[in-house]
Amino acid sequence: MSERPLRADAQRNRDLLLDAAGKAFTECGPDATLEGIAKNAGVGIGTLYRHFPTREALVEAVYRSELAAVCAAAPELLAAMPPVEATRAWMDRFVDFMTRKIGMADALRALIASGADPYAHSFELLTGAIQPLLEAAAAAGEIRPDFSSEDVLMSLSGVALAASSNREQAGRLLDLLMDGLRYRAS
C-alpha cells in the first residue's frame, strides 16, 4: 500500500522544516536543537515530530532532499541554457550542495552511527545527473568527450573540499576545471 500524498499545508510545513533544519545543521552542527528548528520553521515541535520522529530521520530527510534538488537541477538547467553554461551552473550548485554537507558532517556522522546510510546511491544519482550535461556539451563540441561523469564528479568533490570556506576560490577552481574540459574540444 502506497502512502497518500501530504495535504498542501502539511507539505508546506515539511518543506519549511527541511529548509530550517538544513540551515541549522550547517550553521550549528550538533548544537542545532529540534526546538530551534521548529521555531525557525514557524511550526510547533509536535509538527516536527509528526514529520520526523527522530533527529536522525530529520538529518536523513534533509540530506536526501538536498541531493534530490541538486540532481533535479541538471535537466532544468539544460533546458534553460546552452549545454556548456548549464554544466558550469550545475557545478556551482553541486559545490554549494557539498559545502552544506561539510557543515552537516557531525549530524551525518551521527546518522551513520545510528545504522543509516544516507549516502546509499548518492554517487550514482549525482553521476546520472551530470552525465547528460557532459554529453550535451560534448555533442555541441564545447568540451572534450573523453571524460567520464565519475572523473568530473570526483574533481568537483575535490574543489568543494579544497575551497569549502572560500566560495570565490571555488568559483575560480570550477572555471579552471571547465577550461580543462574545453581543452582540445572539437
C-alpha atoms as a PDB file:
ATOM      1  CA  MET A   1       0.000   0.000   0.000  1.00  0.00           C
ATOM      2  CA  SER A   2       1.461   3.363  -1.000  1.00  0.00           C
ATOM      3  CA  GLU A   3       1.470   6.438   1.173  1.00  0.00           C
ATOM      4  CA  ARG A   4      -1.043   9.121   0.404  1.00  0.00           C
ATOM      5  CA  PRO A   5       0.370  12.458  -0.677  1.00  0.00           C
ATOM      6  CA  LEU A   6       0.549  15.070   2.054  1.00  0.00           C
ATOM      7  CA  ARG A   7      -2.084  17.777   2.258  1.00  0.00           C
ATOM      8  CA  ALA A   8      -0.833  21.110   0.925  1.00  0.00           C
ATOM      9  CA  ASP A   9      -0.400  22.603   4.399  1.00  0.00           C
ATOM     10  CA  ALA A  10       1.401  19.508   5.683  1.00  0.00           C
ATOM     11  CA  GLN A  11       3.732  19.542   2.658  1.00  0.00           C
ATOM     12  CA  ARG A  12       4.423  23.242   3.212  1.00  0.00           C
ATOM     13  CA  ASN A  13       5.275  22.557   6.879  1.00  0.00           C
ATOM     14  CA  ARG A  14       7.541  19.661   5.886  1.00  0.00           C
ATOM     15  CA  ASP A  15       9.342  21.850   3.358  1.00  0.00           C
ATOM     16  CA  LEU A  16       9.754  24.641   5.933  1.00  0.00           C
ATOM     17  CA  LEU A  17      11.169  22.142   8.419  1.00  0.00           C
ATOM     18  CA  LEU A  18      13.636  20.730   5.881  1.00  0.00           C
ATOM     19  CA  ASP A  19      14.830  24.214   4.964  1.00  0.00           C
ATOM     20  CA  ALA A  20      15.198  25.318   8.593  1.00  0.00           C
ATOM     21  CA  ALA A  21      16.916  22.051   9.535  1.00  0.00           C
ATOM     22  CA  GLY A  22      19.365  22.265   6.643  1.00  0.00           C
ATOM     23  CA  LYS A  23      20.390  25.753   7.719  1.00  0.00           C
ATOM     24  CA  ALA A  24      20.588  24.797  11.396  1.00  0.00           C
ATOM     25  CA  PHE A  25      22.656  21.650  10.842  1.00  0.00           C
ATOM     26  CA  THR A  26      25.010  23.525   8.509  1.00  0.00           C
ATOM     27  CA  GLU A  27      25.449  26.517  10.811  1.00  0.00           C
ATOM     28  CA  CYS A  28      25.271  24.866  14.258  1.00  0.00           C
ATOM     29  CA  GLY A  29      26.224  21.258  13.604  1.00  0.00           C
ATOM     30  CA  PRO A  30      25.440  19.028  16.577  1.00  0.00           C
ATOM     31  CA  ASP A  31      24.347  22.048  18.638  1.00  0.00           C
ATOM     32  CA  ALA A  32      21.263  22.557  16.456  1.00  0.00           C
ATOM     33  CA  THR A  33      18.185  21.838  18.541  1.00  0.00           C
ATOM     34  CA  LEU A  34      14.961  20.382  17.227  1.00  0.00           C
ATOM     35  CA  GLU A  35      13.046  23.044  19.161  1.00  0.00           C
ATOM     36  CA  GLY A  36      15.071  25.771  17.440  1.00  0.00           C
ATOM     37  CA  ILE A  37      14.481  24.176  14.050  1.00  0.00           C
ATOM     38  CA  ALA A  38      10.723  24.025  14.651  1.00  0.00           C
ATOM     39  CA  LYS A  39      10.701  27.639  15.825  1.00  0.00           C
ATOM     40  CA  ASN A  40      12.696  28.841  12.798  1.00  0.00           C
ATOM     41  CA  ALA A  41      10.316  26.929  10.525  1.00  0.00           C
ATOM     42  CA  GLY A  42       7.367  28.638  12.186  1.00  0.00           C
ATOM     43  CA  VAL A  43       5.784  25.393  13.398  1.00  0.00           C
ATOM     44  CA  GLY A  44       5.396  23.655  16.723  1.00  0.00           C
ATOM     45  CA  ILE A  45       7.635  20.872  17.959  1.00  0.00           C
ATOM     46  CA  GLY A  46       4.738  18.421  17.605  1.00  0.00           C
ATOM     47  CA  THR A  47       4.591  19.179  13.872  1.00  0.00           C
ATOM     48  CA  LEU A  48       8.313  18.458  13.589  1.00  0.00           C
ATOM     49  CA  TYR A  49       7.909  15.094  15.359  1.00  0.00           C
ATOM     50  CA  ARG A  50       4.889  14.168  13.220  1.00  0.00           C
ATOM     51  CA  HIS A  51       7.032  14.510  10.120  1.00  0.00           C
ATOM     52  CA  PHE A  52      10.342  13.342  11.589  1.00  0.00           C
ATOM     53  CA  PRO A  53      10.025  11.125  14.679  1.00  0.00           C
ATOM     54  CA  THR A  54      13.776  11.250  15.388  1.00  0.00           C
ATOM     55  CA  ARG A  55      16.673  13.627  14.865  1.00  0.00           C
ATOM     56  CA  GLU A  56      18.233  11.011  12.593  1.00  0.00           C
ATOM     57  CA  ALA A  57      15.106  10.888  10.429  1.00  0.00           C
ATOM     58  CA  LEU A  58      15.289  14.668  10.028  1.00  0.00           C
ATOM     59  CA  VAL A  59      19.004  14.643   9.151  1.00  0.00           C
ATOM     60  CA  GLU A  60      18.464  11.921   6.560  1.00  0.00           C
ATOM     61  CA  ALA A  61      15.465  13.751   5.069  1.00  0.00           C
ATOM     62  CA  VAL A  62      17.480  16.974   4.781  1.00  0.00           C
ATOM     63  CA  TYR A  63      20.316  15.164   3.057  1.00  0.00           C
ATOM     64  CA  ARG A  64      18.052  13.320   0.635  1.00  0.00           C
ATOM     65  CA  SER A  65      16.008  16.447  -0.115  1.00  0.00           C
ATOM     66  CA  GLU A  66      19.100  18.476  -0.955  1.00  0.00           C
ATOM     67  CA  LEU A  67      20.522  15.611  -3.017  1.00  0.00           C
ATOM     68  CA  ALA A  68      17.268  15.387  -4.983  1.00  0.00           C
ATOM     69  CA  ALA A  69      17.301  19.146  -5.573  1.00  0.00           C
ATOM     70  CA  VAL A  70      20.836  19.221  -6.971  1.00  0.00           C
ATOM     71  CA  CYS A  71      20.088  16.218  -9.203  1.00  0.00           C
ATOM     72  CA  ALA A  72      16.791  17.705 -10.425  1.00  0.00           C
ATOM     73  CA  ALA A  73      18.558  20.939 -11.356  1.00  0.00           C
ATOM     74  CA  ALA A  74      20.542  19.273 -14.172  1.00  0.00           C
ATOM     75  CA  PRO A  75      17.713  18.771 -16.697  1.00  0.00           C
ATOM     76  CA  GLU A  76      16.181  22.128 -15.747  1.00  0.00           C
ATOM     77  CA  LEU A  77      19.463  23.923 -16.440  1.00  0.00           C
ATOM     78  CA  LEU A  78      19.973  22.002 -19.684  1.00  0.00           C
ATOM     79  CA  ALA A  79      16.515  23.058 -20.865  1.00  0.00           C
ATOM     80  CA  ALA A  80      17.157  26.697 -19.977  1.00  0.00           C
ATOM     81  CA  MET A  81      20.653  27.379 -21.303  1.00  0.00           C
ATOM     82  CA  PRO A  82      23.347  26.167 -23.690  1.00  0.00           C
ATOM     83  CA  PRO A  83      24.963  22.885 -22.584  1.00  0.00           C
ATOM     84  CA  VAL A  84      28.322  24.283 -21.500  1.00  0.00           C
ATOM     85  CA  GLU A  85      26.652  27.037 -19.468  1.00  0.00           C
ATOM     86  CA  ALA A  86      24.243  24.520 -17.936  1.00  0.00           C
ATOM     87  CA  THR A  87      27.194  22.299 -16.998  1.00  0.00           C
ATOM     88  CA  ARG A  88      29.030  25.177 -15.312  1.00  0.00           C
ATOM     89  CA  ALA A  89      25.860  26.310 -13.497  1.00  0.00           C
ATOM     90  CA  TRP A  90      25.270  22.767 -12.233  1.00  0.00           C
ATOM     91  CA  MET A  91      28.845  22.667 -10.971  1.00  0.00           C
ATOM     92  CA  ASP A  92      28.077  25.729  -8.843  1.00  0.00           C
ATOM     93  CA  ARG A  93      25.029  24.020  -7.415  1.00  0.00           C
ATOM     94  CA  PHE A  94      26.999  20.873  -6.693  1.00  0.00           C
ATOM     95  CA  VAL A  95      29.707  22.801  -4.822  1.00  0.00           C
ATOM     96  CA  ASP A  96      27.021  24.587  -2.786  1.00  0.00           C
ATOM     97  CA  PHE A  97      25.447  21.191  -2.003  1.00  0.00           C
ATOM     98  CA  MET A  98      28.789  19.743  -0.925  1.00  0.00           C
ATOM     99  CA  THR A  99      29.622  22.791   1.173  1.00  0.00           C
ATOM    100  CA  ARG A 100      26.359  22.355   3.079  1.00  0.00           C
ATOM    101  CA  LYS A 101      27.188  18.675   3.599  1.00  0.00           C
ATOM    102  CA  ILE A 102      30.576  19.622   5.064  1.00  0.00           C
ATOM    103  CA  GLY A 103      28.688  21.847   7.520  1.00  0.00           C
ATOM    104  CA  MET A 104      26.386  18.921   8.319  1.00  0.00           C
ATOM    105  CA  ALA A 105      29.272  16.473   8.840  1.00  0.00           C
ATOM    106  CA  ASP A 106      28.632  15.929  12.544  1.00  0.00           C
ATOM    107  CA  ALA A 107      24.914  15.357  12.021  1.00  0.00           C
ATOM    108  CA  LEU A 108      25.616  12.943   9.156  1.00  0.00           C
ATOM    109  CA  ARG A 109      28.212  11.035  11.212  1.00  0.00           C
ATOM    110  CA  ALA A 110      25.649  10.634  13.997  1.00  0.00           C
ATOM    111  CA  LEU A 111      23.141   9.362  11.451  1.00  0.00           C
ATOM    112  CA  ILE A 112      25.625   6.791  10.150  1.00  0.00           C
ATOM    113  CA  ALA A 113      26.442   5.734  13.719  1.00  0.00           C
ATOM    114  CA  SER A 114      22.731   5.003  14.213  1.00  0.00           C
ATOM    115  CA  GLY A 115      22.916   2.458  11.376  1.00  0.00           C
ATOM    116  CA  ALA A 116      21.540   4.528   8.499  1.00  0.00           C
ATOM    117  CA  ASP A 117      23.333   5.001   5.186  1.00  0.00           C
ATOM    118  CA  PRO A 118      22.354   8.400   3.805  1.00  0.00           C
ATOM    119  CA  TYR A 119      24.950   8.059   1.050  1.00  0.00           C
ATOM    120  CA  ALA A 120      23.472   4.901  -0.463  1.00  0.00           C
ATOM    121  CA  HIS A 121      23.079   5.568  -4.184  1.00  0.00           C
ATOM    122  CA  SER A 122      24.265   9.199  -3.914  1.00  0.00           C
ATOM    123  CA  PHE A 123      27.203   8.718  -6.272  1.00  0.00           C
ATOM    124  CA  GLU A 124      25.017   7.014  -8.865  1.00  0.00           C
ATOM    125  CA  LEU A 125      22.374   9.746  -8.636  1.00  0.00           C
ATOM    126  CA  LEU A 126      24.959  12.510  -8.974  1.00  0.00           C
ATOM    127  CA  THR A 127      26.815  10.914 -11.888  1.00  0.00           C
ATOM    128  CA  GLY A 128      23.440  10.297 -13.511  1.00  0.00           C
ATOM    129  CA  ALA A 129      22.634  13.990 -13.119  1.00  0.00           C
ATOM    130  CA  ILE A 130      25.868  15.312 -14.598  1.00  0.00           C
ATOM    131  CA  GLN A 131      26.168  12.746 -17.412  1.00  0.00           C
ATOM    132  CA  PRO A 132      23.522  14.318 -19.714  1.00  0.00           C
ATOM    133  CA  LEU A 133      25.104  17.747 -19.178  1.00  0.00           C
ATOM    134  CA  LEU A 134      28.531  16.469 -20.196  1.00  0.00           C
ATOM    135  CA  GLU A 135      27.132  14.534 -23.149  1.00  0.00           C
ATOM    136  CA  ALA A 136      25.220  17.565 -24.432  1.00  0.00           C
ATOM    137  CA  ALA A 137      28.247  19.863 -24.074  1.00  0.00           C
ATOM    138  CA  ALA A 138      30.487  17.290 -25.810  1.00  0.00           C
ATOM    139  CA  ALA A 139      27.937  16.795 -28.618  1.00  0.00           C
ATOM    140  CA  ALA A 140      27.935  20.563 -29.135  1.00  0.00           C
ATOM    141  CA  GLY A 141      31.740  20.447 -29.428  1.00  0.00           C
ATOM    142  CA  GLU A 142      32.135  22.677 -26.364  1.00  0.00           C
ATOM    143  CA  ILE A 143      34.003  20.180 -24.158  1.00  0.00           C
ATOM    144  CA  ARG A 144      36.109  17.090 -24.696  1.00  0.00           C
ATOM    145  CA  PRO A 145      34.179  13.822 -24.930  1.00  0.00           C
ATOM    146  CA  ASP A 146      36.872  11.724 -23.226  1.00  0.00           C
ATOM    147  CA  PHE A 147      35.920  12.475 -19.601  1.00  0.00           C
ATOM    148  CA  SER A 148      33.654  10.247 -17.581  1.00  0.00           C
ATOM    149  CA  SER A 149      30.987  11.688 -15.341  1.00  0.00           C
ATOM    150  CA  GLU A 150      32.751   9.905 -12.457  1.00  0.00           C
ATOM    151  CA  ASP A 151      36.013  11.764 -13.191  1.00  0.00           C
ATOM    152  CA  VAL A 152      34.254  15.110 -13.292  1.00  0.00           C
ATOM    153  CA  LEU A 153      32.259  14.396 -10.143  1.00  0.00           C
ATOM    154  CA  MET A 154      35.418  13.442  -8.242  1.00  0.00           C
ATOM    155  CA  SER A 155      37.062  16.669  -9.447  1.00  0.00           C
ATOM    156  CA  LEU A 156      34.061  18.670  -8.296  1.00  0.00           C
ATOM    157  CA  SER A 157      34.197  16.980  -4.901  1.00  0.00           C
ATOM    158  CA  GLY A 158      37.849  17.978  -4.610  1.00  0.00           C
ATOM    159  CA  VAL A 159      37.000  21.581  -5.436  1.00  0.00           C
ATOM    160  CA  ALA A 160      34.256  21.590  -2.823  1.00  0.00           C
ATOM    161  CA  LEU A 161      36.548  20.177  -0.141  1.00  0.00           C
ATOM    162  CA  ALA A 162      39.516  22.382  -1.014  1.00  0.00           C
ATOM    163  CA  ALA A 163      37.563  25.623  -1.141  1.00  0.00           C
ATOM    164  CA  SER A 164      34.647  24.930   1.186  1.00  0.00           C
ATOM    165  CA  SER A 165      35.192  28.124   3.161  1.00  0.00           C
ATOM    166  CA  ASN A 166      36.010  30.333   0.185  1.00  0.00           C
ATOM    167  CA  ARG A 167      33.238  30.438  -2.414  1.00  0.00           C
ATOM    168  CA  GLU A 168      35.162  32.872  -4.630  1.00  0.00           C
ATOM    169  CA  GLN A 169      38.096  30.461  -4.797  1.00  0.00           C
ATOM    170  CA  ALA A 170      35.724  27.590  -5.525  1.00  0.00           C
ATOM    171  CA  GLY A 171      34.385  29.574  -8.497  1.00  0.00           C
ATOM    172  CA  ARG A 172      37.892  30.087  -9.850  1.00  0.00           C
ATOM    173  CA  LEU A 173      38.650  26.381  -9.451  1.00  0.00           C
ATOM    174  CA  LEU A 174      35.427  25.498 -11.280  1.00  0.00           C
ATOM    175  CA  ASP A 175      36.452  27.834 -14.109  1.00  0.00           C
ATOM    176  CA  LEU A 176      39.802  26.045 -14.230  1.00  0.00           C
ATOM    177  CA  LEU A 177      38.034  22.678 -14.385  1.00  0.00           C
ATOM    178  CA  MET A 178      35.824  23.923 -17.222  1.00  0.00           C
ATOM    179  CA  ASP A 179      38.926  25.152 -19.072  1.00  0.00           C
ATOM    180  CA  GLY A 180      40.356  21.631 -18.740  1.00  0.00           C
ATOM    181  CA  LEU A 181      37.158  20.149 -20.129  1.00  0.00           C
ATOM    182  CA  ARG A 182      37.269  22.599 -23.058  1.00  0.00           C
ATOM    183  CA  TYR A 183      40.951  21.932 -23.867  1.00  0.00           C
ATOM    184  CA  ARG A 184      41.155  20.235 -27.279  1.00  0.00           C
ATOM    185  CA  ALA A 185      37.370  20.192 -27.695  1.00  0.00           C
ATOM    186  CA  SER A 186      36.393  19.826 -31.341  1.00  0.00           C
END
